[in-house]
């Protein structure tokens, strides 16, 4: 299962999640892998994987239409700021679904 996350920098699991307007890189995490260390990409649509399951956004006001049209399930962080915190929240189902 692949998750894509908009971040401001490439700092591994300590990368900071940002709104889409501030994104510099896209962190791709493979939750089925032995390592959850993200890989970083300039474009979320060109990551080299066939299908991304989820996108985790910074807030409920993000424009998620492109993600929805591509079949991604949109989630929104609560208080988590870094990738490692988001992965833990995702695994414990402590993350919100995007509300319209």
PDB file of N, CA and C in Angstrom:
ATOM      1  N   UNK A   1       0.845  -1.170   0.000  1.00  0.00           N
ATOM      2  CA  UNK A   1       0.000   0.000   0.000  1.00  0.00           C
ATOM      3  C   UNK A   1       0.895   1.240   0.000  1.00  0.00           C
ATOM      4  N   UNK A   2       0.658   2.101  -0.952  1.00  0.00           N
ATOM      5  CA  UNK A   2       1.460   3.318  -1.079  1.00  0.00           C
ATOM      6  C   UNK A   2       0.685   4.540  -0.620  1.00  0.00           C
ATOM      7  N   UNK A   3       1.403   5.416   0.095  1.00  0.00           N
ATOM      8  CA  UNK A   3       0.861   6.683   0.565  1.00  0.00           C
ATOM      9  C   UNK A   3       1.767   7.788   0.046  1.00  0.00           C
ATOM     10  N   UNK A   4       1.179   8.873  -0.441  1.00  0.00           N
ATOM     11  CA  UNK A   4       1.951  10.028  -0.901  1.00  0.00           C
ATOM     12  C   UNK A   4       1.643  11.204   0.027  1.00  0.00           C
ATOM     13  N   UNK A   5       2.686  11.967   0.374  1.00  0.00           N
ATOM     14  CA  UNK A   5       2.548  13.050   1.353  1.00  0.00           C
ATOM     15  C   UNK A   5       3.293  14.291   0.843  1.00  0.00           C
ATOM     16  N   UNK A   6       2.644  15.453   0.809  1.00  0.00           N
ATOM     17  CA  UNK A   6       3.344  16.682   0.404  1.00  0.00           C
ATOM     18  C   UNK A   6       4.229  17.199   1.544  1.00  0.00           C
ATOM     19  N   UNK A   7       5.501  17.434   1.229  1.00  0.00           N
ATOM     20  CA  UNK A   7       6.445  17.888   2.258  1.00  0.00           C
ATOM     21  C   UNK A   7       7.249  19.085   1.757  1.00  0.00           C
ATOM     22  N   UNK A   8       7.927  19.741   2.684  1.00  0.00           N
ATOM     23  CA  UNK A   8       8.721  20.924   2.367  1.00  0.00           C
ATOM     24  C   UNK A   8      10.182  20.571   2.133  1.00  0.00           C
ATOM     25  N   UNK A   9      10.650  19.439   2.713  1.00  0.00           N
ATOM     26  CA  UNK A   9      12.059  19.089   2.593  1.00  0.00           C
ATOM     27  C   UNK A   9      12.249  17.582   2.578  1.00  0.00           C
ATOM     28  N   UNK A  10      13.445  17.154   2.240  1.00  0.00           N
ATOM     29  CA  UNK A  10      13.808  15.734   2.243  1.00  0.00           C
ATOM     30  C   UNK A  10      14.607  15.431   3.508  1.00  0.00           C
ATOM     31  N   UNK A  11      13.901  15.089   4.581  1.00  0.00           N
ATOM     32  CA  UNK A  11      14.549  14.758   5.849  1.00  0.00           C
ATOM     33  C   UNK A  11      14.100  13.385   6.341  1.00  0.00           C
ATOM     34  N   UNK A  12      13.838  12.486   5.407  1.00  0.00           N
ATOM     35  CA  UNK A  12      13.409  11.143   5.791  1.00  0.00           C
ATOM     36  C   UNK A  12      12.091  11.178   6.531  1.00  0.00           C
ATOM     37  N   UNK A  13      12.009  10.388   7.586  1.00  0.00           N
ATOM     38  CA  UNK A  13      10.774  10.316   8.371  1.00  0.00           C
ATOM     39  C   UNK A  13      10.476  11.586   9.145  1.00  0.00           C
ATOM     40  N   UNK A  14      11.453  12.479   9.224  1.00  0.00           N
ATOM     41  CA  UNK A  14      11.259  13.743   9.935  1.00  0.00           C
ATOM     42  C   UNK A  14      10.852  14.884   9.006  1.00  0.00           C
ATOM     43  N   UNK A  15      10.524  14.569   7.756  1.00  0.00           N
ATOM     44  CA  UNK A  15      10.077  15.589   6.807  1.00  0.00           C
ATOM     45  C   UNK A  15       8.746  16.183   7.261  1.00  0.00           C
ATOM     46  N   UNK A  16       8.578  17.470   7.033  1.00  0.00           N
ATOM     47  CA  UNK A  16       7.414  18.202   7.500  1.00  0.00           C
ATOM     48  C   UNK A  16       6.327  18.281   6.431  1.00  0.00           C
ATOM     49  N   UNK A  17       5.116  17.942   6.835  1.00  0.00           N
ATOM     50  CA  UNK A  17       3.953  18.009   5.953  1.00  0.00           C
ATOM     51  C   UNK A  17       3.553  19.474   5.770  1.00  0.00           C
ATOM     52  N   UNK A  18       3.202  19.833   4.519  1.00  0.00           N
ATOM     53  CA  UNK A  18       2.818  21.216   4.230  1.00  0.00           C
ATOM     54  C   UNK A  18       1.571  21.245   3.352  1.00  0.00           C
ATOM     55  N   UNK A  19       0.906  22.406   3.287  1.00  0.00           N
ATOM     56  CA  UNK A  19      -0.218  22.556   2.352  1.00  0.00           C
ATOM     57  C   UNK A  19       0.275  22.402   0.908  1.00  0.00           C
ATOM     58  N   UNK A  20      -0.630  22.083   0.013  1.00  0.00           N
ATOM     59  CA  UNK A  20      -0.269  21.892  -1.393  1.00  0.00           C
ATOM     60  C   UNK A  20       0.380  23.137  -1.998  1.00  0.00           C
ATOM     61  N   UNK A  21       0.013  24.299  -1.525  1.00  0.00           N
ATOM     62  CA  UNK A  21       0.586  25.540  -2.057  1.00  0.00           C
ATOM     63  C   UNK A  21       2.064  25.693  -1.713  1.00  0.00           C
ATOM     64  N   UNK A  22       2.551  24.952  -0.707  1.00  0.00           N
ATOM     65  CA  UNK A  22       3.943  25.069  -0.250  1.00  0.00           C
ATOM     66  C   UNK A  22       4.791  23.838  -0.560  1.00  0.00           C
ATOM     67  N   UNK A  23       4.217  22.854  -1.241  1.00  0.00           N
ATOM     68  CA  UNK A  23       4.921  21.588  -1.447  1.00  0.00           C
ATOM     69  C   UNK A  23       6.184  21.773  -2.293  1.00  0.00           C
ATOM     70  N   UNK A  24       7.288  21.174  -1.835  1.00  0.00           N
ATOM     71  CA  UNK A  24       8.550  21.163  -2.573  1.00  0.00           C
ATOM     72  C   UNK A  24       8.853  19.765  -3.101  1.00  0.00           C
ATOM     73  N   UNK A  25       8.457  18.753  -2.349  1.00  0.00           N
ATOM     74  CA  UNK A  25       8.683  17.356  -2.710  1.00  0.00           C
ATOM     75  C   UNK A  25       7.472  16.539  -2.284  1.00  0.00           C
ATOM     76  N   UNK A  26       7.388  15.346  -2.883  1.00  0.00           N
ATOM     77  CA  UNK A  26       6.350  14.391  -2.509  1.00  0.00           C
ATOM     78  C   UNK A  26       7.032  13.180  -1.900  1.00  0.00           C
ATOM     79  N   UNK A  27       6.643  12.846  -0.683  1.00  0.00           N
ATOM     80  CA  UNK A  27       7.197  11.672  -0.011  1.00  0.00           C
ATOM     81  C   UNK A  27       6.297  10.482  -0.296  1.00  0.00           C
ATOM     82  N   UNK A  28       6.889   9.415  -0.805  1.00  0.00           N
ATOM     83  CA  UNK A  28       6.157   8.185  -1.096  1.00  0.00           C
ATOM     84  C   UNK A  28       6.569   7.138  -0.083  1.00  0.00           C
ATOM     85  N   UNK A  29       5.592   6.565   0.609  1.00  0.00           N
ATOM     86  CA  UNK A  29       5.855   5.549   1.631  1.00  0.00           C
ATOM     87  C   UNK A  29       5.148   4.265   1.230  1.00  0.00           C
ATOM     88  N   UNK A  30       5.894   3.163   1.264  1.00  0.00           N
ATOM     89  CA  UNK A  30       5.339   1.841   0.979  1.00  0.00           C
ATOM     90  C   UNK A  30       5.111   1.132   2.314  1.00  0.00           C
ATOM     91  N   UNK A  31       3.864   1.060   2.735  1.00  0.00           N
ATOM     92  CA  UNK A  31       3.559   0.454   4.031  1.00  0.00           C
ATOM     93  C   UNK A  31       3.684  -1.063   4.032  1.00  0.00           C
ATOM     94  N   UNK A  32       3.782  -1.670   2.854  1.00  0.00           N
ATOM     95  CA  UNK A  32       3.953  -3.117   2.776  1.00  0.00           C
ATOM     96  C   UNK A  32       5.420  -3.527   2.788  1.00  0.00           C
ATOM     97  N   UNK A  33       6.303  -2.562   2.753  1.00  0.00           N
ATOM     98  CA  UNK A  33       7.739  -2.817   2.728  1.00  0.00           C
ATOM     99  C   UNK A  33       8.268  -3.037   4.146  1.00  0.00           C
ATOM    100  N   UNK A  34       9.434  -3.655   4.238  1.00  0.00           N
ATOM    101  CA  UNK A  34      10.078  -3.826   5.538  1.00  0.00           C
ATOM    102  C   UNK A  34      10.521  -2.484   6.109  1.00  0.00           C
ATOM    103  N   UNK A  35      10.840  -1.553   5.231  1.00  0.00           N
ATOM    104  CA  UNK A  35      11.287  -0.225   5.646  1.00  0.00           C
ATOM    105  C   UNK A  35      10.227   0.798   5.238  1.00  0.00           C
ATOM    106  N   UNK A  36       9.858   1.669   6.166  1.00  0.00           N
ATOM    107  CA  UNK A  36       8.889   2.718   5.826  1.00  0.00           C
ATOM    108  C   UNK A  36       9.601   4.020   5.467  1.00  0.00           C
ATOM    109  N   UNK A  37      10.899   3.946   5.234  1.00  0.00           N
ATOM    110  CA  UNK A  37      11.658   5.130   4.839  1.00  0.00           C
ATOM    111  C   UNK A  37      11.107   5.649   3.502  1.00  0.00           C
ATOM    112  N   UNK A  38      10.719   6.921   3.445  1.00  0.00           N
ATOM    113  CA  UNK A  38      10.118   7.448   2.218  1.00  0.00           C
ATOM    114  C   UNK A  38      11.141   7.672   1.111  1.00  0.00           C
ATOM    115  N   UNK A  39      10.642   7.635  -0.111  1.00  0.00           N
ATOM    116  CA  UNK A  39      11.407   8.112  -1.255  1.00  0.00           C
ATOM    117  C   UNK A  39      10.783   9.435  -1.653  1.00  0.00           C
ATOM    118  N   UNK A  40      11.573  10.318  -2.235  1.00  0.00           N
ATOM    119  CA  UNK A  40      11.091  11.668  -2.533  1.00  0.00           C
ATOM    120  C   UNK A  40      11.045  11.907  -4.036  1.00  0.00           C
ATOM    121  N   UNK A  41       9.999  12.628  -4.451  1.00  0.00           N
ATOM    122  CA  UNK A  41       9.748  12.853  -5.868  1.00  0.00           C
ATOM    123  C   UNK A  41       9.299  14.292  -6.090  1.00  0.00           C
ATOM    124  N   UNK A  42       9.581  14.791  -7.299  1.00  0.00           N
ATOM    125  CA  UNK A  42       9.179  16.151  -7.643  1.00  0.00           C
ATOM    126  C   UNK A  42       7.706  16.239  -8.024  1.00  0.00           C
ATOM    127  N   UNK A  43       7.143  15.141  -8.492  1.00  0.00           N
ATOM    128  CA  UNK A  43       5.765  15.115  -8.979  1.00  0.00           C
ATOM    129  C   UNK A  43       5.072  13.870  -8.435  1.00  0.00           C
ATOM    130  N   UNK A  44       3.926  14.036  -7.834  1.00  0.00           N
ATOM    131  CA  UNK A  44       3.237  12.884  -7.228  1.00  0.00           C
ATOM    132  C   UNK A  44       2.754  11.892  -8.273  1.00  0.00           C
ATOM    133  N   UNK A  45       2.622  12.317  -9.510  1.00  0.00           N
ATOM    134  CA  UNK A  45       2.145  11.422 -10.559  1.00  0.00           C
ATOM    135  C   UNK A  45       3.276  10.646 -11.240  1.00  0.00           C
ATOM    136  N   UNK A  46       4.511  10.995 -10.943  1.00  0.00           N
ATOM    137  CA  UNK A  46       5.670  10.326 -11.541  1.00  0.00           C
ATOM    138  C   UNK A  46       6.578   9.748 -10.464  1.00  0.00           C
ATOM    139  N   UNK A  47       6.070   8.748  -9.769  1.00  0.00           N
ATOM    140  CA  UNK A  47       6.830   8.143  -8.675  1.00  0.00           C
ATOM    141  C   UNK A  47       7.412   6.787  -9.044  1.00  0.00           C
ATOM    142  N   UNK A  48       6.969   6.232 -10.161  1.00  0.00           N
ATOM    143  CA  UNK A  48       7.449   4.919 -10.570  1.00  0.00           C
ATOM    144  C   UNK A  48       6.612   3.760 -10.063  1.00  0.00           C
ATOM    145  N   UNK A  49       5.553   4.043  -9.299  1.00  0.00           N
ATOM    146  CA  UNK A  49       4.664   2.969  -8.840  1.00  0.00           C
ATOM    147  C   UNK A  49       3.387   3.000  -9.676  1.00  0.00           C
ATOM    148  N   UNK A  50       2.764   1.852  -9.800  1.00  0.00           N
ATOM    149  CA  UNK A  50       1.561   1.747 -10.626  1.00  0.00           C
ATOM    150  C   UNK A  50       0.338   2.411 -10.007  1.00  0.00           C
ATOM    151  N   UNK A  51       0.202   2.301  -8.676  1.00  0.00           N
ATOM    152  CA  UNK A  51      -1.004   2.826  -8.032  1.00  0.00           C
ATOM    153  C   UNK A  51      -0.675   3.318  -6.633  1.00  0.00           C
ATOM    154  N   UNK A  52      -1.088   4.527  -6.334  1.00  0.00           N
ATOM    155  CA  UNK A  52      -0.963   5.094  -4.987  1.00  0.00           C
ATOM    156  C   UNK A  52      -2.336   5.002  -4.346  1.00  0.00           C
ATOM    157  N   UNK A  53      -2.381   4.456  -3.137  1.00  0.00           N
ATOM    158  CA  UNK A  53      -3.656   4.223  -2.456  1.00  0.00           C
ATOM    159  C   UNK A  53      -4.215   5.453  -1.758  1.00  0.00           C
ATOM    160  N   UNK A  54      -3.333   6.194  -1.055  1.00  0.00           N
ATOM    161  CA  UNK A  54      -3.784   7.310  -0.228  1.00  0.00           C
ATOM    162  C   UNK A  54      -2.890   8.527  -0.419  1.00  0.00           C
ATOM    163  N   UNK A  55      -3.476   9.678  -0.217  1.00  0.00           N
ATOM    164  CA  UNK A  55      -2.724  10.918  -0.076  1.00  0.00           C
ATOM    165  C   UNK A  55      -3.104  11.480   1.290  1.00  0.00           C
ATOM    166  N   UNK A  56      -2.117  11.971   2.024  1.00  0.00           N
ATOM    167  CA  UNK A  56      -2.384  12.603   3.313  1.00  0.00           C
ATOM    168  C   UNK A  56      -2.143  14.096   3.133  1.00  0.00           C
ATOM    169  N   UNK A  57      -3.187  14.887   3.321  1.00  0.00           N
ATOM    170  CA  UNK A  57      -3.136  16.327   3.110  1.00  0.00           C
ATOM    171  C   UNK A  57      -2.997  17.077   4.424  1.00  0.00           C
ATOM    172  N   UNK A  58      -2.609  18.342   4.309  1.00  0.00           N
ATOM    173  CA  UNK A  58      -2.367  19.174   5.491  1.00  0.00           C
ATOM    174  C   UNK A  58      -3.654  19.626   6.170  1.00  0.00           C
ATOM    175  N   UNK A  59      -4.699  19.899   5.385  1.00  0.00           N
ATOM    176  CA  UNK A  59      -5.930  20.398   5.991  1.00  0.00           C
ATOM    177  C   UNK A  59      -7.137  20.093   5.100  1.00  0.00           C
ATOM    178  N   UNK A  60      -8.316  20.304   5.627  1.00  0.00           N
ATOM    179  CA  UNK A  60      -9.562  20.000   4.921  1.00  0.00           C
ATOM    180  C   UNK A  60      -9.872  20.977   3.789  1.00  0.00           C
ATOM    181  N   UNK A  61      -9.151  22.080   3.713  1.00  0.00           N
ATOM    182  CA  UNK A  61      -9.407  23.082   2.677  1.00  0.00           C
ATOM    183  C   UNK A  61      -8.598  22.850   1.406  1.00  0.00           C
ATOM    184  N   UNK A  62      -7.793  21.798   1.380  1.00  0.00           N
ATOM    185  CA  UNK A  62      -6.964  21.512   0.206  1.00  0.00           C
ATOM    186  C   UNK A  62      -7.839  21.138  -0.992  1.00  0.00           C
ATOM    187  N   UNK A  63      -7.359  21.463  -2.190  1.00  0.00           N
ATOM    188  CA  UNK A  63      -8.037  21.092  -3.424  1.00  0.00           C
ATOM    189  C   UNK A  63      -7.633  19.655  -3.773  1.00  0.00           C
ATOM    190  N   UNK A  64      -8.495  18.725  -3.495  1.00  0.00           N
ATOM    191  CA  UNK A  64      -8.181  17.303  -3.647  1.00  0.00           C
ATOM    192  C   UNK A  64      -8.744  16.689  -4.914  1.00  0.00           C
ATOM    193  N   UNK A  65      -9.331  17.476  -5.784  1.00  0.00           N
ATOM    194  CA  UNK A  65     -10.010  16.945  -6.960  1.00  0.00           C
ATOM    195  C   UNK A  65      -9.094  16.092  -7.850  1.00  0.00           C
ATOM    196  N   UNK A  66      -7.864  16.533  -8.077  1.00  0.00           N
ATOM    197  CA  UNK A  66      -6.932  15.746  -8.900  1.00  0.00           C
ATOM    198  C   UNK A  66      -6.669  14.372  -8.290  1.00  0.00           C
ATOM    199  N   UNK A  67      -6.524  14.330  -6.974  1.00  0.00           N
ATOM    200  CA  UNK A  67      -6.275  13.051  -6.297  1.00  0.00           C
ATOM    201  C   UNK A  67      -7.493  12.138  -6.393  1.00  0.00           C
ATOM    202  N   UNK A  68      -8.650  12.705  -6.176  1.00  0.00           N
ATOM    203  CA  UNK A  68      -9.891  11.930  -6.248  1.00  0.00           C
ATOM    204  C   UNK A  68     -10.090  11.383  -7.658  1.00  0.00           C
ATOM    205  N   UNK A  69      -9.840  12.211  -8.661  1.00  0.00           N
ATOM    206  CA  UNK A  69      -9.986  11.774 -10.051  1.00  0.00           C
ATOM    207  C   UNK A  69      -9.024  10.644 -10.411  1.00  0.00           C
ATOM    208  N   UNK A  70      -7.892  10.575  -9.729  1.00  0.00           N
ATOM    209  CA  UNK A  70      -6.916   9.512  -9.963  1.00  0.00           C
ATOM    210  C   UNK A  70      -7.190   8.277  -9.103  1.00  0.00           C
ATOM    211  N   UNK A  71      -8.232   8.333  -8.281  1.00  0.00           N
ATOM    212  CA  UNK A  71      -8.615   7.181  -7.475  1.00  0.00           C
ATOM    213  C   UNK A  71      -7.936   7.071  -6.125  1.00  0.00           C
ATOM    214  N   UNK A  72      -7.291   8.143  -5.682  1.00  0.00           N
ATOM    215  CA  UNK A  72      -6.647   8.123  -4.366  1.00  0.00           C
ATOM    216  C   UNK A  72      -7.679   8.423  -3.284  1.00  0.00           C
ATOM    217  N   UNK A  73      -7.527   7.759  -2.158  1.00  0.00           N
ATOM    218  CA  UNK A  73      -8.353   8.024  -0.987  1.00  0.00           C
ATOM    219  C   UNK A  73      -7.677   9.158  -0.229  1.00  0.00           C
ATOM    220  N   UNK A  74      -8.382  10.244   0.041  1.00  0.00           N
ATOM    221  CA  UNK A  74      -7.803  11.446   0.638  1.00  0.00           C
ATOM    222  C   UNK A  74      -8.008  11.467   2.152  1.00  0.00           C
ATOM    223  N   UNK A  75      -6.898  11.617   2.843  1.00  0.00           N
ATOM    224  CA  UNK A  75      -6.898  11.719   4.297  1.00  0.00           C
ATOM    225  C   UNK A  75      -6.299  13.056   4.693  1.00  0.00           C
ATOM    226  N   UNK A  76      -6.606  13.498   5.917  1.00  0.00           N
ATOM    227  CA  UNK A  76      -6.116  14.782   6.410  1.00  0.00           C
ATOM    228  C   UNK A  76      -5.508  14.580   7.793  1.00  0.00           C
ATOM    229  N   UNK A  77      -4.339  15.165   7.971  1.00  0.00           N
ATOM    230  CA  UNK A  77      -3.655  15.044   9.266  1.00  0.00           C
ATOM    231  C   UNK A  77      -4.442  15.774  10.351  1.00  0.00           C
ATOM    232  N   UNK A  78      -4.209  15.380  11.566  1.00  0.00           N
ATOM    233  CA  UNK A  78      -4.793  16.096  12.706  1.00  0.00           C
ATOM    234  C   UNK A  78      -3.718  17.020  13.265  1.00  0.00           C
ATOM    235  N   UNK A  79      -2.970  16.538  14.236  1.00  0.00           N
ATOM    236  CA  UNK A  79      -1.914  17.328  14.865  1.00  0.00           C
ATOM    237  C   UNK A  79      -0.520  16.943  14.368  1.00  0.00           C
ATOM    238  N   UNK A  80      -0.426  15.846  13.645  1.00  0.00           N
ATOM    239  CA  UNK A  80       0.866  15.326  13.215  1.00  0.00           C
ATOM    240  C   UNK A  80       1.540  16.295  12.247  1.00  0.00           C
ATOM    241  N   UNK A  81       2.846  16.446  12.387  1.00  0.00           N
ATOM    242  CA  UNK A  81       3.600  17.367  11.535  1.00  0.00           C
ATOM    243  C   UNK A  81       4.617  16.645  10.647  1.00  0.00           C
ATOM    244  N   UNK A  82       5.069  15.466  11.071  1.00  0.00           N
ATOM    245  CA  UNK A  82       6.126  14.766  10.354  1.00  0.00           C
ATOM    246  C   UNK A  82       5.631  13.422   9.847  1.00  0.00           C
ATOM    247  N   UNK A  83       6.361  12.878   8.866  1.00  0.00           N
ATOM    248  CA  UNK A  83       5.957  11.622   8.245  1.00  0.00           C
ATOM    249  C   UNK A  83       5.847  10.492   9.262  1.00  0.00           C
ATOM    250  N   UNK A  84       6.813  10.361  10.163  1.00  0.00           N
ATOM    251  CA  UNK A  84       6.757   9.265  11.138  1.00  0.00           C
ATOM    252  C   UNK A  84       5.501   9.345  12.000  1.00  0.00           C
ATOM    253  N   UNK A  85       5.083  10.546  12.361  1.00  0.00           N
ATOM    254  CA  UNK A  85       3.864  10.733  13.150  1.00  0.00           C
ATOM    255  C   UNK A  85       2.627  10.376  12.322  1.00  0.00           C
ATOM    256  N   UNK A  86       2.645  10.738  11.048  1.00  0.00           N
ATOM    257  CA  UNK A  86       1.512  10.421  10.167  1.00  0.00           C
ATOM    258  C   UNK A  86       1.354   8.921   9.970  1.00  0.00           C
ATOM    259  N   UNK A  87       2.460   8.214   9.806  1.00  0.00           N
ATOM    260  CA  UNK A  87       2.405   6.765   9.612  1.00  0.00           C
ATOM    261  C   UNK A  87       1.830   6.093  10.855  1.00  0.00           C
ATOM    262  N   UNK A  88       2.257   6.534  12.027  1.00  0.00           N
ATOM    263  CA  UNK A  88       1.713   5.979  13.269  1.00  0.00           C
ATOM    264  C   UNK A  88       0.213   6.265  13.369  1.00  0.00           C
ATOM    265  N   UNK A  89      -0.192   7.491  13.063  1.00  0.00           N
ATOM    266  CA  UNK A  89      -1.614   7.850  13.107  1.00  0.00           C
ATOM    267  C   UNK A  89      -2.414   7.022  12.106  1.00  0.00           C
ATOM    268  N   UNK A  90      -1.862   6.814  10.917  1.00  0.00           N
ATOM    269  CA  UNK A  90      -2.543   6.016   9.895  1.00  0.00           C
ATOM    270  C   UNK A  90      -2.742   4.582  10.382  1.00  0.00           C
ATOM    271  N   UNK A  91      -1.722   4.003  10.948  1.00  0.00           N
ATOM    272  CA  UNK A  91      -1.810   2.607  11.408  1.00  0.00           C
ATOM    273  C   UNK A  91      -2.808   2.434  12.541  1.00  0.00           C
ATOM    274  N   UNK A  92      -2.944   3.446  13.373  1.00  0.00           N
ATOM    275  CA  UNK A  92      -3.886   3.368  14.490  1.00  0.00           C
ATOM    276  C   UNK A  92      -5.237   4.004  14.149  1.00  0.00           C
ATOM    277  N   UNK A  93      -5.429   4.326  12.874  1.00  0.00           N
ATOM    278  CA  UNK A  93      -6.668   4.929  12.384  1.00  0.00           C
ATOM    279  C   UNK A  93      -7.036   6.210  13.125  1.00  0.00           C
ATOM    280  N   UNK A  94      -5.997   6.995  13.414  1.00  0.00           N
ATOM    281  CA  UNK A  94      -6.183   8.271  14.095  1.00  0.00           C
ATOM    282  C   UNK A  94      -5.924   9.413  13.127  1.00  0.00           C
ATOM    283  N   UNK A  95      -6.520   9.304  11.964  1.00  0.00           N
ATOM    284  CA  UNK A  95      -6.343  10.310  10.919  1.00  0.00           C
ATOM    285  C   UNK A  95      -7.727  10.514  10.281  1.00  0.00           C
ATOM    286  N   UNK A  96      -7.983  11.726   9.832  1.00  0.00           N
ATOM    287  CA  UNK A  96      -9.320  12.048   9.325  1.00  0.00           C
ATOM    288  C   UNK A  96      -9.457  11.788   7.828  1.00  0.00           C
ATOM    289  N   UNK A  97     -10.673  11.473   7.420  1.00  0.00           N
ATOM    290  CA  UNK A  97     -10.989  11.425   6.001  1.00  0.00           C
ATOM    291  C   UNK A  97     -11.288  12.852   5.557  1.00  0.00           C
ATOM    292  N   UNK A  98     -10.996  13.150   4.302  1.00  0.00           N
ATOM    293  CA  UNK A  98     -11.278  14.482   3.785  1.00  0.00           C
ATOM    294  C   UNK A  98     -12.786  14.707   3.782  1.00  0.00           C
ATOM    295  N   UNK A  99     -13.196  15.840   4.324  1.00  0.00           N
ATOM    296  CA  UNK A  99     -14.614  16.195   4.365  1.00  0.00           C
ATOM    297  C   UNK A  99     -14.890  17.265   3.323  1.00  0.00           C
ATOM    298  N   UNK A 100     -16.016  17.136   2.659  1.00  0.00           N
ATOM    299  CA  UNK A 100     -16.393  18.120   1.643  1.00  0.00           C
ATOM    300  C   UNK A 100     -17.468  19.030   2.158  1.00  0.00           C
TER     301      UNK A 100
END
